[in-house]
N, C-alpha and C. Protein backbone atom coordinates (compact mmCIF):
# COMPACT_ATOMS: atom_id res chain seq x y z
N MET A 1 11.05 -0.03 48.80
CA MET A 1 10.90 1.39 49.04
C MET A 1 10.73 1.60 50.54
N SER A 2 11.36 2.59 51.04
CA SER A 2 11.31 2.89 52.47
C SER A 2 10.02 3.60 52.80
N GLU A 3 9.53 3.37 54.00
CA GLU A 3 8.31 4.03 54.47
C GLU A 3 8.61 5.42 55.03
N ASP A 4 9.87 5.77 55.15
CA ASP A 4 10.28 7.06 55.72
C ASP A 4 10.18 8.14 54.64
N PRO A 5 9.20 9.06 54.70
CA PRO A 5 9.04 10.07 53.66
C PRO A 5 10.15 11.11 53.64
N THR A 6 10.93 11.18 54.69
CA THR A 6 12.01 12.18 54.74
C THR A 6 13.31 11.63 54.21
N LYS A 7 13.36 10.35 53.92
CA LYS A 7 14.60 9.74 53.45
C LYS A 7 14.90 10.24 52.04
N GLU A 8 16.12 10.60 51.81
CA GLU A 8 16.57 11.13 50.51
C GLU A 8 16.54 10.01 49.48
N ILE A 9 16.00 10.33 48.31
CA ILE A 9 16.01 9.35 47.23
C ILE A 9 17.24 9.61 46.38
N GLY A 10 17.73 8.57 45.75
CA GLY A 10 18.95 8.70 44.97
C GLY A 10 18.79 9.58 43.75
N GLU A 11 17.70 9.44 43.05
CA GLU A 11 17.50 10.18 41.81
C GLU A 11 16.31 11.11 41.97
N LYS A 12 16.49 12.35 41.58
CA LYS A 12 15.41 13.33 41.68
C LYS A 12 14.49 13.17 40.47
N TYR A 13 13.22 13.36 40.70
CA TYR A 13 12.24 13.30 39.62
C TYR A 13 11.95 14.70 39.13
N GLN A 14 11.86 14.81 37.82
CA GLN A 14 11.52 16.11 37.25
C GLN A 14 10.00 16.16 37.12
N THR A 15 9.40 17.13 37.76
CA THR A 15 7.95 17.27 37.70
C THR A 15 7.59 18.67 37.26
N ASN A 16 6.43 18.77 36.66
CA ASN A 16 5.90 20.07 36.28
C ASN A 16 4.88 20.50 37.32
N PRO A 17 4.77 21.78 37.52
CA PRO A 17 3.68 22.24 38.38
C PRO A 17 2.35 21.84 37.74
N THR A 18 1.38 21.60 38.56
CA THR A 18 0.08 21.13 38.08
C THR A 18 -0.53 22.06 37.04
N ILE A 19 -0.50 23.35 37.27
CA ILE A 19 -1.12 24.29 36.33
C ILE A 19 -0.44 24.23 34.97
N GLN A 20 0.87 24.06 34.96
CA GLN A 20 1.59 23.97 33.68
C GLN A 20 1.19 22.70 32.93
N THR A 21 1.07 21.62 33.64
CA THR A 21 0.65 20.36 33.02
C THR A 21 -0.75 20.48 32.44
N VAL A 22 -1.64 21.08 33.19
CA VAL A 22 -3.02 21.27 32.72
C VAL A 22 -3.05 22.16 31.49
N LEU A 23 -2.28 23.23 31.50
CA LEU A 23 -2.25 24.13 30.34
C LEU A 23 -1.69 23.44 29.11
N GLU A 24 -0.69 22.60 29.29
CA GLU A 24 -0.13 21.85 28.16
C GLU A 24 -1.19 20.93 27.57
N GLN A 25 -1.96 20.29 28.42
CA GLN A 25 -3.01 19.39 27.94
C GLN A 25 -4.11 20.18 27.24
N ILE A 26 -4.45 21.33 27.76
CA ILE A 26 -5.47 22.18 27.12
C ILE A 26 -4.97 22.64 25.76
N ASN A 27 -3.71 23.04 25.66
CA ASN A 27 -3.16 23.48 24.38
C ASN A 27 -3.13 22.34 23.37
N ALA A 28 -2.79 21.14 23.82
CA ALA A 28 -2.78 19.98 22.92
C ALA A 28 -4.19 19.70 22.42
N LEU A 29 -5.16 19.78 23.30
CA LEU A 29 -6.56 19.58 22.91
C LEU A 29 -7.00 20.65 21.92
N ASP A 30 -6.59 21.88 22.16
CA ASP A 30 -6.94 22.99 21.26
C ASP A 30 -6.41 22.72 19.85
N GLU A 31 -5.18 22.25 19.76
CA GLU A 31 -4.60 21.95 18.45
C GLU A 31 -5.39 20.86 17.74
N LYS A 32 -5.75 19.82 18.47
CA LYS A 32 -6.52 18.73 17.87
C LYS A 32 -7.89 19.22 17.40
N LEU A 33 -8.53 20.05 18.22
CA LEU A 33 -9.84 20.57 17.86
C LEU A 33 -9.76 21.48 16.63
N CYS A 34 -8.72 22.28 16.55
CA CYS A 34 -8.55 23.16 15.38
C CYS A 34 -8.41 22.35 14.10
N VAL A 35 -7.64 21.27 14.16
CA VAL A 35 -7.47 20.41 13.00
C VAL A 35 -8.80 19.80 12.60
N ARG A 36 -9.54 19.30 13.58
CA ARG A 36 -10.84 18.69 13.29
C ARG A 36 -11.81 19.71 12.71
N LEU A 37 -11.83 20.92 13.28
CA LEU A 37 -12.73 21.95 12.78
C LEU A 37 -12.38 22.35 11.35
N ASP A 38 -11.09 22.41 11.04
CA ASP A 38 -10.67 22.71 9.67
C ASP A 38 -11.17 21.64 8.70
N LYS A 39 -11.07 20.38 9.12
CA LYS A 39 -11.54 19.29 8.26
C LYS A 39 -13.06 19.37 8.08
N ILE A 40 -13.76 19.67 9.15
CA ILE A 40 -15.22 19.80 9.07
C ILE A 40 -15.60 20.95 8.14
N GLU A 41 -14.89 22.05 8.25
CA GLU A 41 -15.18 23.20 7.39
C GLU A 41 -14.97 22.85 5.92
N THR A 42 -13.91 22.12 5.64
CA THR A 42 -13.64 21.69 4.26
C THR A 42 -14.76 20.80 3.75
N ARG A 43 -15.19 19.86 4.59
CA ARG A 43 -16.27 18.97 4.19
C ARG A 43 -17.57 19.74 3.96
N LEU A 44 -17.86 20.71 4.82
CA LEU A 44 -19.08 21.51 4.64
C LEU A 44 -19.02 22.33 3.36
N ASP A 45 -17.85 22.84 3.02
CA ASP A 45 -17.70 23.58 1.77
C ASP A 45 -18.00 22.68 0.57
N LYS A 46 -17.51 21.44 0.62
CA LYS A 46 -17.77 20.50 -0.47
C LYS A 46 -19.26 20.18 -0.57
N ILE A 47 -19.89 19.99 0.57
CA ILE A 47 -21.33 19.70 0.59
C ILE A 47 -22.10 20.89 0.03
N GLU A 48 -21.71 22.09 0.41
CA GLU A 48 -22.39 23.29 -0.09
C GLU A 48 -22.27 23.39 -1.60
N THR A 49 -21.09 23.08 -2.13
CA THR A 49 -20.89 23.11 -3.57
C THR A 49 -21.79 22.10 -4.26
N GLN A 50 -21.89 20.91 -3.70
CA GLN A 50 -22.76 19.88 -4.29
C GLN A 50 -24.22 20.30 -4.23
N LEU A 51 -24.63 20.91 -3.13
CA LEU A 51 -26.02 21.37 -3.01
C LEU A 51 -26.32 22.46 -4.04
N ASP A 52 -25.36 23.33 -4.29
CA ASP A 52 -25.56 24.36 -5.31
C ASP A 52 -25.77 23.71 -6.68
N ARG A 53 -24.99 22.67 -6.97
CA ARG A 53 -25.15 21.98 -8.25
C ARG A 53 -26.52 21.31 -8.35
N VAL A 54 -26.93 20.67 -7.27
CA VAL A 54 -28.24 20.00 -7.25
C VAL A 54 -29.35 21.02 -7.45
N ALA A 55 -29.25 22.15 -6.78
CA ALA A 55 -30.27 23.20 -6.92
C ALA A 55 -30.32 23.70 -8.36
N SER A 56 -29.17 23.86 -8.97
CA SER A 56 -29.11 24.32 -10.35
C SER A 56 -29.79 23.32 -11.29
N VAL A 57 -29.50 22.06 -11.09
CA VAL A 57 -30.12 21.02 -11.92
C VAL A 57 -31.63 20.99 -11.68
N ALA A 58 -32.06 21.17 -10.44
CA ALA A 58 -33.49 21.18 -10.13
C ALA A 58 -34.19 22.34 -10.85
N PHE A 59 -33.59 23.52 -10.85
CA PHE A 59 -34.19 24.67 -11.54
C PHE A 59 -34.25 24.43 -13.05
N GLU A 60 -33.19 23.84 -13.59
CA GLU A 60 -33.19 23.53 -15.03
C GLU A 60 -34.29 22.52 -15.36
N THR A 61 -34.46 21.54 -14.50
CA THR A 61 -35.49 20.52 -14.71
C THR A 61 -36.88 21.14 -14.65
N ARG A 62 -37.09 22.04 -13.70
CA ARG A 62 -38.38 22.74 -13.62
C ARG A 62 -38.67 23.51 -14.91
N ALA A 63 -37.65 24.21 -15.37
CA ALA A 63 -37.83 25.00 -16.60
C ALA A 63 -38.15 24.08 -17.77
N ASP A 64 -37.44 22.96 -17.85
CA ASP A 64 -37.71 22.00 -18.93
C ASP A 64 -39.12 21.44 -18.84
N LEU A 65 -39.58 21.15 -17.64
CA LEU A 65 -40.94 20.62 -17.46
C LEU A 65 -41.99 21.66 -17.83
N ARG A 66 -41.76 22.91 -17.46
CA ARG A 66 -42.70 23.97 -17.84
C ARG A 66 -42.79 24.10 -19.36
N GLU A 67 -41.62 24.05 -19.98
CA GLU A 67 -41.59 24.16 -21.44
C GLU A 67 -42.32 22.98 -22.08
N LEU A 68 -42.09 21.80 -21.55
CA LEU A 68 -42.75 20.60 -22.08
C LEU A 68 -44.26 20.68 -21.88
N LYS A 69 -44.67 21.17 -20.71
CA LYS A 69 -46.09 21.35 -20.43
C LYS A 69 -46.73 22.30 -21.44
N THR A 70 -46.03 23.39 -21.69
CA THR A 70 -46.53 24.38 -22.65
C THR A 70 -46.65 23.76 -24.03
N GLN A 71 -45.66 22.99 -24.43
CA GLN A 71 -45.69 22.35 -25.75
C GLN A 71 -46.82 21.33 -25.85
N LEU A 72 -47.09 20.63 -24.76
CA LEU A 72 -48.16 19.64 -24.79
C LEU A 72 -49.54 20.29 -24.84
N LYS A 73 -49.67 21.48 -24.29
CA LYS A 73 -50.96 22.19 -24.29
C LYS A 73 -51.26 22.81 -25.65
N GLU A 74 -50.23 23.12 -26.42
CA GLU A 74 -50.43 23.76 -27.72
C GLU A 74 -51.03 22.76 -28.70
N PRO A 75 -51.97 23.25 -29.51
CA PRO A 75 -52.54 22.34 -30.52
C PRO A 75 -51.49 22.02 -31.59
N ALA A 76 -51.55 20.82 -32.06
CA ALA A 76 -50.57 20.37 -33.05
C ALA A 76 -50.85 20.90 -34.42
């Protein structure tokens, strides 16, 4: 390679302006983040559904225990 910066090179390089390159990278990152956030939202929805089921079972268990307590207190 020649040390002369004014010497013509045989093949021109295609370059993007810096701001365009940065914006492309930001847009690519945005797409990746959106995909990840969608996956996280789906996982949170599943967790919420499971928690609702657990809460329902817990309330049923409480009711069963209260009923059992009442039955045990009653004279036979």
